Protein backbone atom coordinates (compact mmCIF):
# COMPACT_ATOMS: atom_id res chain seq x y z
CA MET A 1 0.00 0.03 0.03
CA GLY A 2 1.70 3.32 -1.07
CA ILE A 3 1.17 6.64 -2.79
CA PRO A 4 -1.58 5.44 -5.35
CA GLU A 5 -3.73 3.99 -2.56
CA ASN A 6 -3.04 6.87 -0.18
CA ILE A 7 -4.08 9.43 -2.94
CA ASP A 8 -7.24 7.34 -3.63
CA ALA A 9 -8.00 7.33 0.03
CA LEU A 10 -7.44 11.12 0.26
CA LEU A 11 -9.98 11.59 -2.54
CA VAL A 12 -12.62 9.46 -0.80
CA LYS A 13 -11.85 10.77 2.71
CA TYR A 14 -12.37 14.44 1.85
CA ASP A 15 -15.05 13.90 -0.97
CA ILE A 16 -13.08 15.69 -3.71
CA THR A 17 -12.27 15.06 -7.21
CA GLN A 18 -8.89 14.64 -8.87
CA GLU A 19 -9.39 18.01 -10.51
CA SER A 20 -9.91 19.56 -7.13
CA LEU A 21 -6.93 17.97 -5.78
CA ALA A 22 -4.89 19.24 -8.62
CA ARG A 23 -6.03 22.87 -7.87
CA VAL A 24 -4.92 22.31 -4.17
CA ALA A 25 -1.56 21.05 -5.24
CA GLY A 26 -1.14 23.64 -7.95
CA ILE A 27 -0.48 21.07 -10.56
CA SER A 28 -2.23 19.38 -13.52
CA GLN A 29 -4.90 16.64 -13.43
CA ALA A 30 -2.20 14.52 -15.45
CA ALA A 31 0.25 15.00 -12.54
CA VAL A 32 -2.29 13.69 -10.06
CA SER A 33 -3.09 10.80 -12.42
CA GLY A 34 0.61 10.15 -12.24
CA TRP A 35 0.52 9.88 -8.36
CA ARG A 36 -2.20 7.45 -8.73
CA HIS A 37 -0.04 5.32 -10.75
CA GLY A 38 2.99 5.43 -8.42
CA LYS A 39 4.74 8.64 -9.19
CA LYS A 40 6.00 10.57 -6.12
CA PRO A 41 4.66 14.16 -5.69
CA SER A 42 7.10 17.06 -5.55
CA ASN A 43 7.95 18.62 -2.19
CA SER A 44 6.05 21.72 -3.11
CA SER A 45 2.81 19.75 -4.16
CA LEU A 46 3.07 17.70 -1.06
CA ARG A 47 3.45 20.73 1.19
CA LYS A 48 0.37 22.36 -0.34
CA ILE A 49 -1.64 19.26 0.14
CA CYS A 50 -0.63 18.83 3.73
CA ASP A 51 -1.27 22.58 4.58
CA HIS A 52 -4.70 22.39 2.99
CA PHE A 53 -6.00 19.16 4.58
CA GLY A 54 -3.88 19.29 7.90
CA LEU A 55 -2.00 16.15 7.00
CA GLU A 56 1.63 14.90 7.46
CA PRO A 57 3.91 13.95 4.56
CA ASN A 58 3.59 10.23 5.75
CA ASP A 59 -0.17 10.34 5.18
CA ILE A 60 0.61 10.50 1.29
CA LEU A 61 4.06 8.86 1.14
CA SER A 62 4.23 6.04 3.68
CA ASP A 63 3.34 2.43 2.70
CA ARG A 64 2.78 1.67 6.36
CA TYR A 65 1.37 4.77 7.83
CA GLY A 66 -0.38 6.48 5.04
CA LEU A 67 -4.05 7.17 4.65
CA ALA A 68 -4.77 3.79 3.12
CA SER A 69 -2.61 1.87 5.39
CA VAL A 70 -4.76 0.35 8.08
CA GLU A 71 -5.94 -2.78 6.50
CA HIS A 72 -9.21 -3.99 5.33
CA ALA A 73 -12.94 -2.80 4.93
CA PRO A 74 -16.74 -3.23 4.66
CA SER A 75 -19.46 -5.23 6.35
CA ILE A 76 -21.18 -2.24 7.98
CA LYS A 77 -23.22 -1.20 10.85
CA PRO A 78 -24.90 2.16 10.73
CA ILE A 79 -24.67 4.63 13.65
CA PRO A 80 -25.94 8.16 14.31
CA VAL A 81 -23.52 11.00 13.43
CA VAL A 82 -22.46 14.10 15.46
CA ALA A 83 -20.73 16.88 13.61
CA SER A 84 -17.34 17.89 15.09
CA ALA A 85 -15.85 21.37 15.01
CA HIS A 86 -17.93 21.18 17.02
CA ALA A 87 -21.78 21.15 16.61
CA THR A 88 -23.86 18.18 17.44
CA VAL A 89 -26.09 16.83 14.73
CA PRO A 90 -27.81 13.48 15.46
CA LEU A 91 -28.73 11.67 12.23
CA VAL A 92 -31.00 8.61 11.67
CA ALA A 93 -29.33 5.15 11.87
CA ILE A 94 -30.49 2.34 9.53
CA GLY A 95 -29.95 -1.38 10.31
CA ARG A 96 -26.74 -3.23 9.97
CA VAL A 97 -25.58 -3.76 6.45
CA HIS A 98 -22.51 -5.50 5.00
CA ALA A 99 -19.83 -5.32 2.33
CA GLY A 100 -18.35 -8.75 2.46
CA GLU A 101 -20.30 -11.57 4.04
CA VAL A 102 -23.87 -11.18 4.84
CA THR A 103 -24.66 -10.29 8.59
CA GLU A 104 -27.82 -9.98 10.45
CA GLU A 105 -29.22 -6.34 10.95
CA GLU A 106 -29.00 -4.68 14.28
CA GLU A 107 -29.55 -1.30 15.73
CA ILE A 108 -26.60 0.76 16.99
CA GLU A 109 -26.94 3.19 19.83
CA ARG A 110 -23.74 5.25 19.40
CA GLU A 111 -22.68 8.64 17.98
CA VAL A 112 -19.46 9.53 16.05
CA GLU A 113 -17.97 12.92 15.14
CA VAL A 114 -17.36 14.06 11.68
CA PRO A 115 -15.99 17.49 10.37
CA ALA A 116 -18.77 20.08 10.46
CA SER A 117 -17.52 21.29 6.97
CA VAL A 118 -18.20 17.84 5.66
CA LEU A 119 -21.58 17.36 7.26
CA GLY A 120 -22.62 20.83 6.14
CA ASN A 121 -22.52 19.58 2.58
CA HIS A 122 -24.28 16.37 3.26
CA PRO A 123 -27.00 17.25 5.95
CA ARG A 124 -28.82 13.89 5.59
CA ALA A 125 -25.78 11.69 6.01
CA PHE A 126 -25.44 8.92 8.36
CA ALA A 127 -22.43 6.77 9.58
CA LEU A 128 -21.53 3.16 9.28
CA ILE A 129 -18.93 1.13 10.80
CA VAL A 130 -16.87 -0.57 8.14
CA GLU A 131 -15.87 -4.23 8.67
CA GLY A 132 -14.54 -6.72 6.08
CA HIS A 133 -12.15 -7.03 3.24
CA CYS A 134 -13.85 -6.23 -0.07
CA MET A 135 -12.94 -2.51 -0.03
CA ASP A 136 -9.59 -2.82 1.73
CA ARG A 137 -7.63 -0.94 -0.91
CA VAL A 138 -9.39 2.11 0.02
CA ILE A 139 -11.29 2.18 3.36
CA PRO A 140 -9.62 0.38 6.27
CA ASP A 141 -11.35 -2.15 8.47
CA GLY A 142 -13.14 -0.65 11.53
CA SER A 143 -13.52 2.79 9.87
CA HIS A 144 -16.44 5.11 10.23
CA ALA A 145 -17.93 5.83 6.78
CA LEU A 146 -20.21 8.83 6.13
CA ILE A 147 -23.00 7.91 3.62
CA ASP A 148 -25.11 10.52 1.85
CA PRO A 149 -28.44 9.17 0.63
CA ASP A 150 -29.00 12.22 -1.60
CA LYS A 151 -25.75 12.08 -3.57
CA GLU A 152 -25.99 10.52 -7.02
CA PRO A 153 -23.28 7.90 -7.54
CA GLN A 154 -20.90 8.52 -10.51
CA ASN A 155 -18.81 5.86 -12.16
CA GLY A 156 -16.12 4.96 -9.71
CA SER A 157 -18.10 6.15 -6.61
CA ILE A 158 -18.14 3.94 -3.55
CA VAL A 159 -21.71 3.11 -2.89
CA VAL A 160 -23.95 1.13 -0.41
CA VAL A 161 -26.72 -0.68 -2.36
CA GLU A 162 -29.51 -3.11 -1.44
CA ASN A 163 -30.71 -5.87 -3.78
CA ASP A 164 -34.14 -7.72 -4.00
CA ASP A 165 -33.06 -9.94 -1.12
CA HIS A 166 -32.57 -6.97 1.11
CA GLU A 167 -28.83 -7.54 1.33
CA ALA A 168 -26.83 -4.34 1.47
CA ILE A 169 -23.30 -4.28 0.11
CA MET A 170 -20.45 -1.72 -0.36
CA ARG A 171 -18.95 -1.55 -3.83
CA ARG A 172 -17.61 0.79 -6.44
CA TRP A 173 -20.41 1.71 -8.93
CA TYR A 174 -20.04 1.46 -12.70
CA ARG A 175 -23.05 2.18 -14.81
CA GLY A 176 -22.92 1.31 -18.51
CA ALA A 177 -25.44 1.65 -21.31
CA SER A 178 -27.08 -1.65 -20.60
CA SER A 179 -25.57 -2.92 -17.32
CA LEU A 180 -24.57 -2.13 -13.84
CA MET A 181 -21.33 -3.38 -12.42
CA LEU A 182 -20.70 -3.38 -8.59
CA SER A 183 -16.94 -3.87 -8.10
CA PRO A 184 -14.80 -4.72 -5.04
CA ASP A 185 -11.62 -2.74 -4.51
CA SER A 186 -9.80 -5.36 -2.40
CA TYR A 187 -6.44 -6.87 -2.17
CA SER A 188 -8.20 -10.19 -2.07
CA SER A 189 -9.14 -12.13 -5.21
CA LYS A 190 -12.10 -13.87 -3.57
CA TYR A 191 -14.38 -10.95 -4.08
CA GLU A 192 -15.96 -10.73 -7.65
CA ASP A 193 -17.74 -8.11 -9.65
CA ILE A 194 -21.49 -8.15 -9.52
CA VAL A 195 -22.79 -7.52 -13.00
CA ILE A 196 -26.51 -6.63 -13.43
CA ARG A 197 -27.93 -6.72 -16.92
CA ASP A 198 -31.58 -7.57 -16.22
CA GLU A 199 -33.58 -4.42 -15.79
CA SER A 200 -36.08 -6.39 -13.65
CA VAL A 201 -33.48 -6.90 -10.92
CA ALA A 202 -33.91 -4.00 -8.60
CA VAL A 203 -31.02 -2.35 -6.89
CA ARG A 204 -31.73 0.21 -4.29
CA VAL A 205 -28.92 2.78 -3.63
CA ILE A 206 -28.76 3.45 0.00
CA GLY A 207 -26.11 6.16 -0.38
CA THR A 208 -22.60 7.28 -1.52
CA VAL A 209 -19.58 7.36 0.59
CA VAL A 210 -18.47 10.93 1.07
CA TRP A 211 -16.02 10.64 3.97
CA TYR A 212 -14.48 8.09 6.21
CA GLN A 213 -12.34 8.11 9.46
CA SER A 214 -10.00 5.11 10.05
CA ALA A 215 -9.94 3.26 13.37
CA GLU A 216 -6.40 4.54 14.10
CA GLU A 217 -7.62 8.19 13.86
CA MET A 218 -10.43 7.32 16.30
CA GLU A 219 -8.12 6.23 19.01
């Protein structure tokens, strides 16, 4: 796990696009794309990113301590959210869902803090506890993920969806002209793409991931 995964984790964590990150760093989108393929950011770009997001260089550069470093992700149990910085905004919890193996639903009576600036852009968001492995290239096991039920997924977005069997999973969303593909983003090969071509198969989008906080950051 290194610079490409850390850059991807930064984009998800702060709900920004590659174009927005390029503006923050004062470089081209092509340069950001290069980082996502393993190139190292310049000291100048790295400093701008760290200053803007309040990060340390190791958050971007380190294999072991970077934003994407804490292993594993999704099976998910939702919890109410409290905004930090530092207003309190309770949000509605839904039942337990998963992004890996199926688990029984349960209600969670807890609150977590998220940045007020993030919650301000997603006022109806709710939190999920992430457990499992199928998204472990991006979101670490034990993270709190913020889910916006109003945000339309774009190709590549991380979403939580529910199928006809009322099983909810977390995957990357790819919509084609005649099919929908829900893809894992995992280091394990055991998770496969879910491809839906039959329009009669209903898939309900529960929400799009707009921010997460790793377990290490919560300690």
